[in-house]
């Protein structure tokens, strides 16, 4: 809880060139150990964990994707899945399963 976010960039740090103020984005904000999570009005975010929000997605929809998307992707990579293979996804209606 508190790792995924979607929002509008307020300002960017020195050396960040892929985002500007006003960009709509989504991503992971941490939320583990000593990293601040996303349960705040404003958060600092690592630009490597942020992406431009697709225009067709609402902020709510975009905020639901980062952690489950990363988990599904990593699972498929570790399994060695490739295009054309048939896979069984247990829990296909759950958070991670519906993305896989």
Protein backbone atom coordinates (compact mmCIF):
# COMPACT_ATOMS: atom_id res chain seq x y z
CA UNK A 1 0.00 0.00 0.00
CA UNK A 2 1.31 3.44 -0.84
CA UNK A 3 3.84 2.52 -3.50
CA UNK A 4 1.90 3.29 -6.69
CA UNK A 5 0.99 6.81 -7.75
CA UNK A 6 -0.28 8.94 -10.60
CA UNK A 7 -0.15 12.70 -10.70
CA UNK A 8 1.13 15.86 -12.28
CA UNK A 9 4.77 16.92 -12.03
CA UNK A 10 5.19 20.09 -10.00
CA UNK A 11 8.94 20.50 -10.56
CA UNK A 12 11.96 18.43 -11.61
CA UNK A 13 15.42 18.14 -10.18
CA UNK A 14 18.71 19.04 -11.81
CA UNK A 15 19.68 16.62 -14.55
CA UNK A 16 16.15 15.32 -15.18
CA UNK A 17 15.41 15.83 -18.87
CA UNK A 18 12.60 13.36 -19.56
CA UNK A 19 9.94 15.25 -17.57
CA UNK A 20 8.79 18.85 -17.20
CA UNK A 21 6.36 20.65 -14.92
CA UNK A 22 2.78 19.82 -15.85
CA UNK A 23 3.50 16.33 -17.25
CA UNK A 24 0.98 13.68 -16.19
CA UNK A 25 2.88 10.65 -14.91
CA UNK A 26 2.56 7.40 -13.00
CA UNK A 27 5.03 5.12 -11.26
CA UNK A 28 6.38 3.63 -8.04
CA UNK A 29 7.38 5.85 -5.16
CA UNK A 30 9.03 3.45 -2.77
CA UNK A 31 7.09 2.88 0.44
CA UNK A 32 9.55 0.32 1.83
CA UNK A 33 12.20 0.71 4.50
CA UNK A 34 13.38 4.33 4.57
CA UNK A 35 11.76 5.40 1.30
CA UNK A 36 8.75 7.71 1.43
CA UNK A 37 5.64 6.21 -0.14
CA UNK A 38 2.92 7.88 -2.18
CA UNK A 39 0.40 8.55 0.58
CA UNK A 40 0.97 12.30 0.47
CA UNK A 41 -0.09 15.30 -1.56
CA UNK A 42 3.47 15.85 -2.85
CA UNK A 43 6.26 13.27 -3.07
CA UNK A 44 9.84 13.17 -4.30
CA UNK A 45 10.12 10.46 -6.95
CA UNK A 46 13.02 8.71 -8.63
CA UNK A 47 12.76 9.59 -12.34
CA UNK A 48 13.81 6.01 -13.20
CA UNK A 49 10.57 4.74 -11.59
CA UNK A 50 8.26 7.22 -13.34
CA UNK A 51 6.64 7.11 -16.80
CA UNK A 52 4.42 9.42 -18.80
CA UNK A 53 0.77 8.51 -18.21
CA UNK A 54 -1.02 7.26 -21.32
CA UNK A 55 -3.67 9.84 -22.27
CA UNK A 56 -6.39 7.19 -22.50
CA UNK A 57 -5.95 6.21 -18.83
CA UNK A 58 -7.45 8.12 -15.93
CA UNK A 59 -5.22 8.97 -12.97
CA UNK A 60 -7.00 6.27 -10.96
CA UNK A 61 -6.41 3.62 -13.64
CA UNK A 62 -2.76 4.59 -14.06
CA UNK A 63 -2.12 4.53 -10.30
CA UNK A 64 -3.35 0.92 -10.15
CA UNK A 65 -0.70 -0.38 -12.59
CA UNK A 66 2.92 0.15 -11.52
CA UNK A 67 3.59 -2.49 -8.84
CA UNK A 68 1.33 -5.18 -10.33
CA UNK A 69 2.76 -4.48 -13.78
CA UNK A 70 6.34 -4.82 -12.55
CA UNK A 71 5.46 -8.01 -10.67
CA UNK A 72 3.73 -9.60 -13.69
CA UNK A 73 6.56 -8.60 -16.05
CA UNK A 74 9.24 -9.95 -13.72
CA UNK A 75 7.33 -13.22 -13.27
CA UNK A 76 7.03 -13.72 -17.01
CA UNK A 77 10.72 -12.94 -17.50
CA UNK A 78 11.82 -15.33 -14.76
CA UNK A 79 9.62 -18.06 -16.27
CA UNK A 80 11.31 -17.54 -19.63
CA UNK A 81 7.96 -16.86 -21.34
CA UNK A 82 8.14 -15.87 -24.98
CA UNK A 83 5.76 -14.80 -27.75
CA UNK A 84 3.57 -17.62 -29.03
CA UNK A 85 3.69 -19.67 -25.83
CA UNK A 86 0.52 -20.68 -24.01
CA UNK A 87 0.60 -19.89 -20.28
CA UNK A 88 -1.71 -20.66 -17.39
CA UNK A 89 -2.15 -17.64 -15.14
CA UNK A 90 -3.51 -18.66 -11.73
CA UNK A 91 -5.56 -15.86 -10.24
CA UNK A 92 -6.06 -14.21 -13.61
CA UNK A 93 -8.69 -11.85 -12.20
CA UNK A 94 -6.44 -10.59 -9.39
CA UNK A 95 -4.18 -7.56 -9.37
CA UNK A 96 -1.08 -9.21 -10.85
CA UNK A 97 -2.89 -11.88 -12.87
CA UNK A 98 -5.00 -9.51 -14.93
CA UNK A 99 -1.86 -7.68 -16.07
CA UNK A 100 0.05 -10.89 -16.90
